[in-house]
Amino acid sequence: MSAADAHLLAKAAVGDDAYAFALLAELSEALAVSLDLRRTLPIAIQRIVDYMQVQAASLFLFDEETDELACKVCVGPIDVRGLRLGTDQGIVGLAFTQAAVQIVADAANDERVYKRIDEETGFVTHSLICVPLTAAKGTIGVLELINKLDGAAFDATDAGILRLLAVPTALAINNARMATALIEQQRLKREFDLARRLQKLLLPKRRRAGFPLLAVNVPAHEISGDFYDYFDLADGRIGFVIGDVSGKGLDAALLMTRAASLLRWAGKDGLAPDEWLRRANEELCQTTTGGRFVCAAVGYYERSTGEVRLAGAGFPPALLHGDGVYCEYRSDGPPLGIVAGQEYTETRLRLGGAALYFFSDGVTDVRVGDGRLGQEGVRGLIDRHASAPPEARLRLMVSELRQLRLVDDTTLLLLEEPRAQTAQVLLRQTFPAEAERLRSMRADLRLALQRSGVPADLRDRLVLAVDEACCNIIRHAYAGSSGDIVLSLRRDGDVLDFELRDDAPGVDPSRITPRDLAECRAGGLGVNFIDALMDGWRLQPQAGGVGNVLRMWKRCPAPLEDEA
């Protein structure tokens, strides 16, 4: 028994309406549970063909890239899968653009009908009906039926039934597309996350103990086209690299990885900076495609003499800043990877007590209002933070840049011999010893800690510790009398130093100890919390027996931006 005969028997057994609803339910269930539409849709269209008793059917989906309707499923004597129609061609295009059912009773005499398939195959289209497939974002395709088997023309009843059957079809297609897009987004996210992790692994580990080079990289997107590097040579010199790859995305990330490795490899040989860039350029010219290129600056620093030897390839000018005076060192050579055989120029300078800044064009391109930060803006940025120690300076510069609008990857490299550092005052304020004043104190302290790069979880605990100490001063030292509390917060290298001063009667330090936690009583845990959190603390009365000083300290290295 044929499928058509089985269909007729089923309709006769249960009636047209019941069979139509049964088919609608069956199609909805089958399409809803399957994301493999290459298998499910042909079966669904065949069931529609059997129910509607037609000779052929086609399902067209809109291709946004080509602005065409492509036949994805075909049932009937002529296979037209792969056929593409413009949205202005035939009844299919008309149903799509108007998002409305189109019925043709006499195809031979209707100029709107696309007749090329009939002419090429010998198939004869007598009548047809097209219904749009609609999703939330608009029409996504068209379902077309051709020639009823009984020879009758399609009518409004057929249109109503086909519209019902088109709903689960359109929904299934849209859901499958969304699922595919989500899977693709997740795949791309995994790839971007992996690329970002690999890029961070390529960046050198931050060094301490007076190392003269510091750098920070802030990607504008998931992955960065900027990079930096520094390394030790056997003769005692320090090599350094900073670069910027053209373009965005994974292609740029792959080129960044290759360029960073290549420049490190060439620099490790101790080549003169101009020869260093020349060799890297020759290698990149052989392997770089798609018009991509690399801007870079490379050099060596000799700590014993303070001499810097550097060369640039299309990189923004380096700035030497000392005693309020700037010297600019431009990159004379073209970017790497464009034309082989290029020559580069070496520059020599003495660092002395000055600071040498290198920065990618992401810094000068930062948006300020309707314009760019530019070279003058960079100099102003340096001026505003020149008095801060190198690590804090870079962090403050990047923090200020983040308040503007970054449109490109931002990378800074600073070469400066460390100087003896004094403690940096982060916060100093005096406020009445009143509980209602503590809220404002907490907000100011939290902001100062945030600006100093203290992680959020530690920041909140430190604020709570200081708040507990202030509450104890108000409750036990002043004990209802009036007075002030002076809060000071300093950073001395990696150590945060908190100091609280009051004018209350002197307190015996030996009486301020952590409470025995085995005691079952409320309160009194502030000292325990401070003792557990801080690396150390000391309470002592001021001279003359009036006033107390509580010092608390906690080691907390200040991270650079790319380590946060």
Protein backbone atom coordinates (compact mmCIF):
# COMPACT_ATOMS: atom_id res chain seq x y z
CA MET A 1 0.00 0.00 0.00
CA SER A 2 1.37 3.44 -0.94
CA ALA A 3 1.71 6.33 1.50
CA ALA A 4 -1.05 8.15 -0.37
CA ASP A 5 -3.41 5.17 -0.02
CA ALA A 6 -2.61 4.88 3.67
CA HIS A 7 -3.35 8.58 4.03
CA LEU A 8 -6.79 8.17 2.41
CA LEU A 9 -7.68 5.26 4.67
CA ALA A 10 -6.63 7.22 7.76
CA LYS A 11 -8.70 10.24 6.74
CA ALA A 12 -11.69 8.02 6.08
CA ALA A 13 -11.33 6.32 9.46
CA VAL A 14 -11.08 9.43 11.67
CA GLY A 15 -12.31 12.30 9.49
CA ASP A 16 -10.51 15.24 7.87
CA ASP A 17 -10.41 17.58 10.88
CA ALA A 18 -9.27 14.95 13.37
CA TYR A 19 -6.59 13.72 10.99
CA ALA A 20 -5.35 17.27 10.41
CA PHE A 21 -5.00 17.92 14.16
CA ALA A 22 -3.33 14.53 14.64
CA LEU A 23 -0.82 15.36 11.90
CA LEU A 24 -0.20 18.81 13.38
CA ALA A 25 0.48 17.30 16.80
CA GLU A 26 2.75 14.64 15.33
CA LEU A 27 4.76 17.16 13.32
CA SER A 28 5.06 19.52 16.29
CA GLU A 29 6.34 16.75 18.55
CA ALA A 30 8.79 15.34 16.00
CA LEU A 31 10.22 18.74 15.08
CA ALA A 32 10.38 20.00 18.67
CA VAL A 33 12.57 17.16 19.94
CA SER A 34 15.02 17.07 17.03
CA LEU A 35 17.83 19.50 16.20
CA ASP A 36 18.96 17.33 13.29
CA LEU A 37 16.74 19.01 10.70
CA ARG A 38 18.58 17.38 7.79
CA ARG A 39 16.90 14.14 8.89
CA THR A 40 13.65 15.44 10.35
CA LEU A 41 12.56 18.05 7.78
CA PRO A 42 12.42 15.71 4.75
CA ILE A 43 10.18 13.35 6.74
CA ALA A 44 7.97 16.24 7.86
CA ILE A 45 7.63 17.64 4.32
CA GLN A 46 6.78 14.15 3.00
CA ARG A 47 4.00 13.88 5.61
CA ILE A 48 2.65 17.28 4.50
CA VAL A 49 2.76 16.16 0.86
CA ASP A 50 0.82 12.99 1.75
CA TYR A 51 -1.76 14.87 3.75
CA MET A 52 -2.29 17.66 1.23
CA GLN A 53 -2.32 15.17 -1.66
CA VAL A 54 0.10 17.13 -3.88
CA GLN A 55 2.61 16.13 -6.50
CA ALA A 56 5.64 18.03 -5.16
CA ALA A 57 6.83 20.28 -2.35
CA SER A 58 9.90 22.42 -1.65
CA LEU A 59 11.21 24.23 1.41
CA PHE A 60 13.28 27.38 0.84
CA LEU A 61 15.33 29.12 3.54
CA PHE A 62 16.66 32.65 3.39
CA ASP A 63 20.45 33.03 3.20
CA GLU A 64 21.42 36.34 4.80
CA GLU A 65 24.92 36.30 3.32
CA THR A 66 23.74 36.09 -0.31
CA ASP A 67 20.26 37.63 0.12
CA GLU A 68 18.79 34.59 -1.66
CA LEU A 69 16.27 31.84 -0.98
CA ALA A 70 17.90 28.40 -1.13
CA CYS A 71 15.98 25.14 -1.56
CA LYS A 72 16.92 22.86 1.34
CA VAL A 73 14.25 20.13 1.12
CA CYS A 74 12.46 18.79 -1.96
CA VAL A 75 9.83 16.05 -2.38
CA GLY A 76 8.54 15.04 -5.80
CA PRO A 77 9.64 13.88 -9.27
CA ILE A 78 12.11 16.73 -9.78
CA ASP A 79 14.95 17.35 -7.31
CA VAL A 80 15.59 21.07 -7.06
CA ARG A 81 17.63 21.04 -3.86
CA GLY A 82 20.31 23.71 -4.07
CA LEU A 83 18.19 25.92 -6.32
CA ARG A 84 18.62 29.58 -5.39
CA LEU A 85 16.11 32.31 -6.07
CA GLY A 86 16.32 36.03 -5.49
CA THR A 87 13.78 37.45 -3.12
CA ASP A 88 12.23 39.16 -6.16
CA GLN A 89 11.88 35.95 -8.20
CA GLY A 90 8.72 33.90 -8.61
CA ILE A 91 5.88 33.19 -6.25
CA VAL A 92 8.37 31.94 -3.67
CA GLY A 93 10.07 35.35 -3.58
CA LEU A 94 6.71 37.10 -3.44
CA ALA A 95 5.56 35.01 -0.44
CA PHE A 96 8.84 35.82 1.32
CA THR A 97 8.91 39.58 0.73
CA GLN A 98 5.19 40.07 1.45
CA ALA A 99 5.15 37.54 4.32
CA ALA A 100 1.78 36.36 3.02
CA VAL A 101 0.28 33.21 1.48
CA GLN A 102 0.37 33.19 -2.32
CA ILE A 103 -2.01 31.00 -4.39
CA VAL A 104 -1.71 30.46 -8.17
CA ALA A 105 -4.58 28.63 -9.86
CA ASP A 106 -3.21 28.72 -13.42
CA ALA A 107 0.58 28.69 -13.43
CA ALA A 108 0.92 28.58 -17.21
CA ASN A 109 -0.73 31.97 -17.60
CA ASP A 110 0.59 33.71 -14.52
CA GLU A 111 3.61 35.94 -15.29
CA ARG A 112 4.70 35.90 -11.66
CA VAL A 113 5.55 32.18 -11.79
CA TYR A 114 9.23 31.23 -12.18
CA LYS A 115 9.09 28.87 -15.21
CA ARG A 116 12.75 28.02 -15.80
CA ILE A 117 12.60 24.70 -13.92
CA ASP A 118 9.62 23.53 -15.98
CA GLU A 119 11.39 24.54 -19.18
CA GLU A 120 14.60 22.69 -18.26
CA THR A 121 13.03 19.50 -16.83
CA GLY A 122 9.75 19.05 -18.66
CA PHE A 123 7.81 19.10 -15.39
CA VAL A 124 4.51 20.95 -15.72
CA THR A 125 3.30 23.20 -12.92
CA HIS A 126 -0.47 23.63 -13.05
CA SER A 127 -1.13 25.31 -9.71
CA LEU A 128 0.84 26.09 -6.60
CA ILE A 129 0.63 27.55 -3.13
CA CYS A 130 3.39 29.20 -1.07
CA VAL A 131 3.22 29.97 2.65
CA PRO A 132 5.89 32.02 4.50
CA LEU A 133 7.80 30.49 7.43
CA THR A 134 7.83 33.15 10.13
CA ALA A 135 9.90 33.44 13.30
CA ALA A 136 10.32 36.13 15.94
CA LYS A 137 12.77 38.14 13.82
CA GLY A 138 10.68 37.92 10.63
CA THR A 139 10.28 35.60 7.66
CA ILE A 140 12.97 32.93 7.45
CA GLY A 141 11.78 30.93 4.46
CA VAL A 142 8.92 29.63 2.31
CA LEU A 143 7.08 26.29 2.03
CA GLU A 144 5.80 25.59 -1.51
CA LEU A 145 3.32 22.93 -2.67
CA ILE A 146 2.75 22.15 -6.38
CA ASN A 147 -0.16 20.46 -8.23
CA LYS A 148 -2.96 18.80 -6.25
CA LEU A 149 -3.30 15.14 -7.30
CA ASP A 150 -7.00 15.51 -8.05
CA GLY A 151 -6.24 18.32 -10.52
CA ALA A 152 -8.14 20.95 -8.55
CA ALA A 153 -6.67 24.37 -7.82
CA PHE A 154 -5.47 25.33 -4.35
CA ASP A 155 -7.96 27.38 -2.35
CA ALA A 156 -8.34 29.26 0.95
CA THR A 157 -9.01 26.02 2.86
CA ASP A 158 -5.67 24.64 1.66
CA ALA A 159 -4.01 27.91 2.66
CA GLY A 160 -5.43 27.70 6.19
CA ILE A 161 -4.27 24.12 6.70
CA LEU A 162 -0.82 24.80 5.27
CA ARG A 163 -0.37 27.85 7.50
CA LEU A 164 -1.06 25.66 10.54
CA LEU A 165 1.45 23.03 9.37
CA ALA A 166 4.04 25.73 8.65
CA VAL A 167 4.07 26.98 12.28
CA PRO A 168 5.89 24.00 13.90
CA THR A 169 8.17 23.80 10.85
CA ALA A 170 9.27 27.43 11.20
CA LEU A 171 9.61 27.09 14.97
CA ALA A 172 11.79 23.99 14.63
CA ILE A 173 14.04 25.65 12.05
CA ASN A 174 14.44 28.76 14.18
CA ASN A 175 15.17 26.73 17.33
CA ALA A 176 17.74 24.62 15.49
CA ARG A 177 19.44 27.76 14.17
CA MET A 178 19.51 29.30 17.63
CA ALA A 179 20.95 26.10 19.09
CA THR A 180 23.58 25.97 16.36
CA ALA A 181 24.45 29.63 16.93
CA LEU A 182 24.73 29.03 20.69
CA ILE A 183 27.01 26.04 20.15
CA GLU A 184 29.13 28.13 17.78
CA GLN A 185 29.30 30.98 20.30
CA GLN A 186 30.38 28.56 23.01
CA ARG A 187 33.01 27.09 20.70
CA LEU A 188 34.34 30.52 19.82
CA LYS A 189 34.34 31.52 23.49
CA ARG A 190 36.38 28.43 24.35
CA GLU A 191 38.80 29.23 21.54
CA PHE A 192 39.08 32.87 22.63
CA ASP A 193 39.57 31.83 26.26
CA LEU A 194 42.29 29.40 25.20
CA ALA A 195 43.95 32.04 23.02
CA ARG A 196 43.83 34.55 25.89
CA ARG A 197 45.39 32.04 28.30
CA LEU A 198 48.11 31.21 25.79
CA GLN A 199 48.79 34.91 25.27
CA LYS A 200 49.12 35.49 29.00
CA LEU A 201 51.54 32.56 29.21
CA LEU A 202 53.69 34.26 26.58
CA LEU A 203 53.98 37.41 28.67
CA PRO A 204 56.97 37.36 31.05
CA LYS A 205 56.49 36.87 34.76
CA ARG A 206 56.48 40.07 36.76
CA ARG A 207 59.75 40.55 38.61
CA ARG A 208 60.43 42.27 41.88
CA ALA A 209 63.51 43.22 43.88
CA GLY A 210 64.42 46.32 41.92
CA PHE A 211 63.95 45.06 38.37
CA PRO A 212 63.94 48.13 36.08
CA LEU A 213 61.32 46.97 33.55
CA LEU A 214 57.57 46.98 34.12
CA ALA A 215 54.81 46.47 31.56
CA VAL A 216 51.04 46.18 31.42
CA ASN A 217 48.67 44.95 28.70
CA VAL A 218 44.94 45.70 28.65
CA PRO A 219 43.06 43.98 25.78
CA ALA A 220 40.21 45.93 24.22
CA HIS A 221 38.42 42.64 23.48
CA GLU A 222 38.71 38.98 24.48
CA ILE A 223 42.21 38.63 23.10
CA SER A 224 44.97 41.12 22.44
CA GLY A 225 47.04 41.95 19.40
CA ASP A 226 49.62 43.69 21.62
CA PHE A 227 52.48 41.99 23.42
CA TYR A 228 55.61 42.71 25.40
CA ASP A 229 58.60 40.75 26.64
CA TYR A 230 61.84 41.17 28.56
CA PHE A 231 64.67 38.73 29.27
CA ASP A 232 68.22 38.50 30.60
CA LEU A 233 71.28 37.98 28.40
CA ALA A 234 74.40 36.15 29.48
CA ASP A 235 76.46 39.37 29.38
CA GLY A 236 74.18 41.04 31.95
CA ARG A 237 72.11 43.15 29.59
CA ILE A 238 68.32 43.09 29.69
CA GLY A 239 66.47 42.74 26.38
CA PHE A 240 62.98 44.10 25.90
CA VAL A 241 60.26 44.00 23.22
CA ILE A 242 56.90 45.70 22.78
CA GLY A 243 54.69 45.09 19.75
CA ASP A 244 51.31 45.61 18.15
CA VAL A 245 49.82 43.30 15.49
CA SER A 246 47.43 44.76 12.92
CA GLY A 247 43.87 43.50 12.87
CA LYS A 248 41.69 41.71 15.41
CA GLY A 249 40.46 38.22 16.19
CA LEU A 250 42.10 34.81 16.14
CA ASP A 251 44.18 35.53 13.02
CA ALA A 252 45.79 38.50 14.74
CA ALA A 253 46.26 36.44 17.91
CA LEU A 254 48.10 33.74 15.98
CA LEU A 255 50.34 36.33 14.33
CA MET A 256 50.94 37.94 17.72
CA THR A 257 52.07 34.56 19.09
CA ARG A 258 54.45 34.01 16.18
CA ALA A 259 55.81 37.57 16.24
CA ALA A 260 56.39 37.52 20.02
CA SER A 261 58.24 34.20 19.83
CA LEU A 262 60.27 35.30 16.81
CA LEU A 263 61.35 38.59 18.37
CA ARG A 264 62.34 36.86 21.61
CA TRP A 265 64.34 34.27 19.67
CA ALA A 266 66.18 36.93 17.65
CA GLY A 267 66.81 39.11 20.71
CA LYS A 268 68.25 36.23 22.71
CA ASP A 269 71.06 36.05 20.15
CA GLY A 270 72.20 39.48 21.31
CA LEU A 271 71.92 41.01 17.83
CA ALA A 272 72.17 44.77 17.50
CA PRO A 273 68.63 46.23 17.66
CA ASP A 274 68.62 47.24 13.97
CA GLU A 275 69.77 43.77 12.90
CA TRP A 276 67.33 42.24 15.36
CA LEU A 277 64.40 43.91 13.58
CA ARG A 278 65.84 43.23 10.12
CA ARG A 279 66.01 39.49 10.79
CA ALA A 280 62.50 39.40 12.26
CA ASN A 281 61.18 41.31 9.24
CA GLU A 282 62.70 38.81 6.78
CA GLU A 283 61.09 35.89 8.61
CA LEU A 284 57.66 37.55 8.90
CA CYS A 285 57.67 38.58 5.22
CA GLN A 286 57.92 34.92 4.28
CA THR A 287 55.02 33.75 6.43
CA THR A 288 52.63 36.68 6.96
CA THR A 289 49.62 36.86 4.63
CA GLY A 290 46.42 38.84 4.28
CA GLY A 291 48.08 42.24 4.51
CA ARG A 292 48.83 41.89 8.22
CA PHE A 293 51.93 43.44 9.77
CA VAL A 294 53.63 44.00 13.13
CA CYS A 295 54.72 47.30 14.69
CA ALA A 296 57.43 46.83 17.30
CA ALA A 297 60.19 48.42 19.34
CA VAL A 298 63.13 46.41 20.66
CA GLY A 299 66.21 47.20 22.70
CA TYR A 300 68.75 46.38 25.37
CA TYR A 301 69.47 48.01 28.70
CA GLU A 302 72.87 47.85 30.38
CA ARG A 303 72.33 48.46 34.10
CA SER A 304 75.98 49.09 34.91
CA THR A 305 76.23 52.04 32.50
CA GLY A 306 72.59 53.10 32.16
CA GLU A 307 72.88 52.83 28.34
CA VAL A 308 69.82 51.94 26.26
CA ARG A 309 70.12 50.74 22.65
CA LEU A 310 66.83 50.59 20.78
CA ALA A 311 65.24 50.43 17.34
CA GLY A 312 61.68 50.73 16.13
CA ALA A 313 59.53 49.39 13.31
CA GLY A 314 56.46 51.56 12.81
CA PHE A 315 55.94 51.87 16.57
CA PRO A 316 54.85 55.11 18.30
CA PRO A 317 57.73 57.28 19.56
CA ALA A 318 59.35 56.35 22.87
CA LEU A 319 59.36 59.12 25.50
CA LEU A 320 62.24 59.76 27.89
CA HIS A 321 60.99 61.79 30.87
CA GLY A 322 63.13 63.29 33.62
CA ASP A 323 62.93 66.50 35.67
CA GLY A 324 59.86 67.59 33.72
CA VAL A 325 61.69 67.39 30.36
CA TYR A 326 60.72 65.06 27.49
CA CYS A 327 62.89 63.62 24.73
CA GLU A 328 61.16 61.80 21.90
CA TYR A 329 62.71 58.87 20.01
CA ARG A 330 60.89 58.01 16.81
CA SER A 331 60.78 54.67 14.99
CA ASP A 332 62.45 55.25 11.62
CA GLY A 333 61.79 51.81 10.12
CA PRO A 334 58.53 50.52 8.57
CA PRO A 335 56.39 47.81 10.24
CA LEU A 336 57.53 44.21 10.09
CA GLY A 337 56.12 41.73 7.60
CA ILE A 338 55.34 44.07 4.70
CA VAL A 339 58.43 44.38 2.47
CA ALA A 340 61.58 42.28 2.73
CA GLY A 341 65.02 43.86 2.65
CA GLN A 342 64.18 46.81 4.90
CA GLU A 343 66.87 48.49 7.00
CA TYR A 344 66.36 49.82 10.53
CA THR A 345 68.19 52.43 12.60
CA GLU A 346 69.63 51.99 16.08
CA THR A 347 69.38 54.75 18.69
CA ARG A 348 71.51 55.03 21.84
CA LEU A 349 70.71 57.01 24.97
CA ARG A 350 71.57 57.22 28.66
CA LEU A 351 68.78 56.54 31.10
CA GLY A 352 70.29 58.27 34.11
CA GLY A 353 67.54 59.00 36.59
CA ALA A 354 64.90 59.42 33.88
CA ALA A 355 62.07 57.07 32.87
CA LEU A 356 61.70 55.67 29.33
CA TYR A 357 58.11 54.99 28.20
CA PHE A 358 56.96 52.82 25.30
CA PHE A 359 53.25 52.62 24.48
CA SER A 360 51.14 51.10 21.72
CA ASP A 361 48.84 53.30 19.63
CA GLY A 362 45.95 52.05 21.75
CA VAL A 363 47.07 54.65 24.29
CA THR A 364 47.13 57.62 21.91
CA ASP A 365 43.85 56.44 20.34
CA VAL A 366 41.94 56.52 23.64
CA ARG A 367 38.84 58.64 23.10
CA VAL A 368 38.56 61.89 25.03
CA GLY A 369 35.22 63.47 24.24
CA ASP A 370 35.06 63.76 20.46
CA GLY A 371 38.83 63.50 20.00
CA ARG A 372 41.86 61.34 20.76
CA LEU A 373 44.27 61.44 23.68
CA GLY A 374 47.24 61.89 21.30
CA GLN A 375 50.90 62.45 22.15
CA GLU A 376 50.25 65.57 24.22
CA GLY A 377 47.60 63.73 26.19
CA VAL A 378 50.08 60.94 26.93
CA ARG A 379 52.58 63.48 28.25
CA GLY A 380 49.93 64.99 30.48
CA LEU A 381 49.07 61.50 31.74
CA ILE A 382 52.71 60.89 32.64
CA ASP A 383 53.03 64.31 34.31
CA ARG A 384 50.03 63.67 36.56
CA HIS A 385 51.53 60.49 38.00
CA ALA A 386 55.28 61.05 37.66
CA SER A 387 55.81 61.34 41.42
CA ALA A 388 54.40 57.87 42.15
CA PRO A 389 56.67 54.78 42.31
CA PRO A 390 56.90 52.88 38.98
CA GLU A 391 54.38 50.13 39.80
CA ALA A 392 51.85 52.52 41.28
CA ARG A 393 52.45 54.94 38.40
CA LEU A 394 51.60 52.38 35.72
CA ARG A 395 48.56 51.26 37.66
CA LEU A 396 47.32 54.83 38.08
CA MET A 397 47.92 55.62 34.40
CA VAL A 398 45.96 52.58 33.27
CA SER A 399 43.20 53.30 35.77
CA GLU A 400 42.84 56.80 34.34
CA LEU A 401 42.80 55.46 30.77
CA ARG A 402 40.03 53.06 31.74
CA GLN A 403 37.90 56.01 32.83
CA LEU A 404 38.00 57.15 29.20
CA ARG A 405 37.04 54.97 26.21
CA LEU A 406 39.53 52.33 25.09
CA VAL A 407 39.07 51.49 21.41
CA ASP A 408 42.17 49.36 20.91
CA ASP A 409 44.51 47.13 22.87
CA THR A 410 46.55 49.21 25.31
CA THR A 411 50.10 48.30 26.28
CA LEU A 412 52.70 50.30 28.21
CA LEU A 413 56.31 49.40 28.97
CA LEU A 414 58.35 51.41 31.47
CA LEU A 415 62.13 51.31 31.84
CA GLU A 416 63.35 53.05 34.98
CA GLU A 417 65.92 52.26 37.64
CA PRO A 418 64.11 51.91 40.98
CA ARG A 419 64.69 54.62 43.53
CA ALA A 420 64.49 54.40 47.28
CA GLN A 421 60.80 54.58 48.00
CA THR A 422 59.02 56.32 50.84
CA ALA A 423 55.67 55.14 52.09
CA GLN A 424 52.79 56.34 49.92
CA VAL A 425 49.89 57.94 51.82
CA LEU A 426 46.65 56.51 50.43
CA LEU A 427 44.21 58.06 52.89
CA ARG A 428 44.30 60.41 55.89
CA GLN A 429 41.17 61.74 57.54
CA THR A 430 39.90 62.94 60.90
CA PHE A 431 36.30 62.34 61.99
CA PRO A 432 34.29 62.52 65.23
CA ALA A 433 34.20 59.35 67.32
CA GLU A 434 30.53 58.77 66.56
CA ALA A 435 29.01 55.57 65.18
CA GLU A 436 27.04 57.40 62.48
CA ARG A 437 30.31 58.76 61.01
CA LEU A 438 31.67 55.27 60.32
CA ARG A 439 29.62 54.77 57.17
CA SER A 440 31.43 57.60 55.39
CA MET A 441 34.78 56.35 56.72
CA ARG A 442 34.12 52.87 55.33
CA ALA A 443 33.27 54.24 51.88
CA ASP A 444 36.43 56.39 51.75
CA LEU A 445 38.63 53.55 52.95
CA ARG A 446 37.13 51.07 50.49
CA LEU A 447 37.77 53.50 47.61
CA ALA A 448 41.39 54.08 48.70
CA LEU A 449 42.01 50.34 48.88
CA GLN A 450 40.41 49.82 45.49
CA ARG A 451 42.64 52.47 43.91
CA SER A 452 45.66 50.74 45.43
CA GLY A 453 44.76 47.50 43.69
CA VAL A 454 43.60 45.52 46.72
CA PRO A 455 41.41 42.55 45.62
CA ALA A 456 37.72 42.93 46.41
CA ASP A 457 37.44 40.07 48.92
CA LEU A 458 40.46 41.28 50.95
CA ARG A 459 39.31 44.90 50.57
CA ASP A 460 36.00 44.16 52.29
CA ARG A 461 37.68 42.29 55.15
CA LEU A 462 40.18 45.10 55.72
CA VAL A 463 37.38 47.67 55.85
CA LEU A 464 35.54 45.48 58.36
CA ALA A 465 38.68 45.20 60.54
CA VAL A 466 39.17 48.96 60.64
CA ASP A 467 35.46 49.43 61.34
CA GLU A 468 35.69 47.00 64.28
CA ALA A 469 38.70 48.88 65.64
CA CYS A 470 36.86 52.22 65.37
CA CYS A 471 33.80 50.77 67.13
CA ASN A 472 36.02 49.61 70.00
CA ILE A 473 37.57 53.08 70.27
CA ILE A 474 34.14 54.71 70.41
CA ARG A 475 32.63 52.14 72.80
CA HIS A 476 35.52 51.39 75.16
CA ALA A 477 38.17 54.13 74.83
CA TYR A 478 35.93 57.20 74.67
CA ALA A 479 33.13 55.37 76.55
CA GLY A 480 30.50 58.01 75.84
CA SER A 481 32.75 61.06 75.88
CA SER A 482 33.45 63.11 72.74
CA GLY A 483 36.61 63.18 70.67
CA ASP A 484 38.13 62.51 67.27
CA ILE A 485 39.64 59.53 65.46
CA VAL A 486 42.47 60.04 62.97
CA LEU A 487 42.74 57.33 60.30
CA SER A 488 45.86 56.99 58.15
CA LEU A 489 46.48 54.41 55.42
CA ARG A 490 49.91 54.10 53.82
CA ARG A 491 51.45 51.68 51.35
CA ASP A 492 55.13 50.90 51.92
CA GLY A 493 56.10 48.61 49.07
CA ASP A 494 53.97 45.48 49.42
CA VAL A 495 52.71 46.36 52.91
CA LEU A 496 49.52 48.24 53.79
CA ASP A 497 49.87 50.15 57.07
CA PHE A 498 46.73 51.23 58.96
CA GLU A 499 46.97 53.68 61.87
CA LEU A 500 44.17 54.84 64.19
CA ARG A 501 44.84 57.66 66.69
CA ASP A 502 42.49 58.95 69.38
CA ASP A 503 42.57 61.40 72.31
CA ALA A 504 40.79 59.11 74.76
CA PRO A 505 42.32 58.11 78.10
CA GLY A 506 45.26 55.73 77.68
CA VAL A 507 44.41 52.04 77.41
CA ASP A 508 46.56 49.30 78.91
CA PRO A 509 47.70 47.27 75.83
CA SER A 510 48.03 44.11 77.91
CA ARG A 511 44.26 44.08 78.42
CA ILE A 512 43.53 44.03 74.65
CA THR A 513 43.90 40.42 73.64
CA PRO A 514 41.89 38.00 71.48
CA ARG A 515 38.95 36.48 73.33
CA ASP A 516 38.86 32.79 74.25
CA LEU A 517 36.48 31.38 71.64
CA ALA A 518 35.38 28.68 74.06
CA GLU A 519 33.51 31.32 76.06
CA CYS A 520 29.79 31.35 75.25
CA ARG A 521 28.94 35.07 75.22
CA ALA A 522 27.92 37.60 72.63
CA GLY A 523 30.27 40.21 71.15
CA GLY A 524 33.93 40.78 71.80
CA LEU A 525 35.17 39.13 68.59
CA GLY A 526 36.57 42.26 66.93
CA VAL A 527 40.09 41.69 68.27
CA ASN A 528 39.93 38.02 67.19
CA PHE A 529 38.99 39.09 63.66
CA ILE A 530 41.79 41.68 63.51
CA ASP A 531 44.28 39.18 64.92
CA ALA A 532 43.32 36.55 62.32
CA LEU A 533 43.29 38.92 59.34
CA MET A 534 46.27 41.18 59.86
CA ASP A 535 49.89 40.12 59.63
CA GLY A 536 50.46 42.07 62.82
CA TRP A 537 49.07 44.81 65.05
CA ARG A 538 50.23 46.92 67.99
CA LEU A 539 48.39 49.17 70.45
CA GLN A 540 50.25 51.69 72.56
CA PRO A 541 49.28 54.79 74.54
CA GLN A 542 50.57 58.19 73.51
CA ALA A 543 53.00 60.09 75.70
CA GLY A 544 51.38 61.74 78.73
CA GLY A 545 48.76 59.05 79.19
CA VAL A 546 46.21 60.71 76.89
CA GLY A 547 45.44 59.14 73.55
CA ASN A 548 46.17 55.79 71.93
CA VAL A 549 47.73 54.61 68.67
CA LEU A 550 46.66 51.37 66.99
CA ARG A 551 48.81 50.17 64.08
CA MET A 552 47.78 47.24 61.88
CA TRP A 553 49.67 45.97 58.86
CA LYS A 554 48.93 43.54 56.04
CA ARG A 555 51.14 42.40 53.17
CA CYS A 556 49.32 42.92 49.87
CA PRO A 557 51.39 43.27 46.67
CA ALA A 558 49.90 45.87 44.34
CA PRO A 559 49.06 44.07 41.07
CA LEU A 560 49.58 45.59 37.67
CA GLU A 561 46.48 45.78 35.51
CA ASP A 562 47.09 42.58 33.54
CA GLU A 563 47.58 40.61 36.76
CA ALA A 564 44.31 41.71 38.31
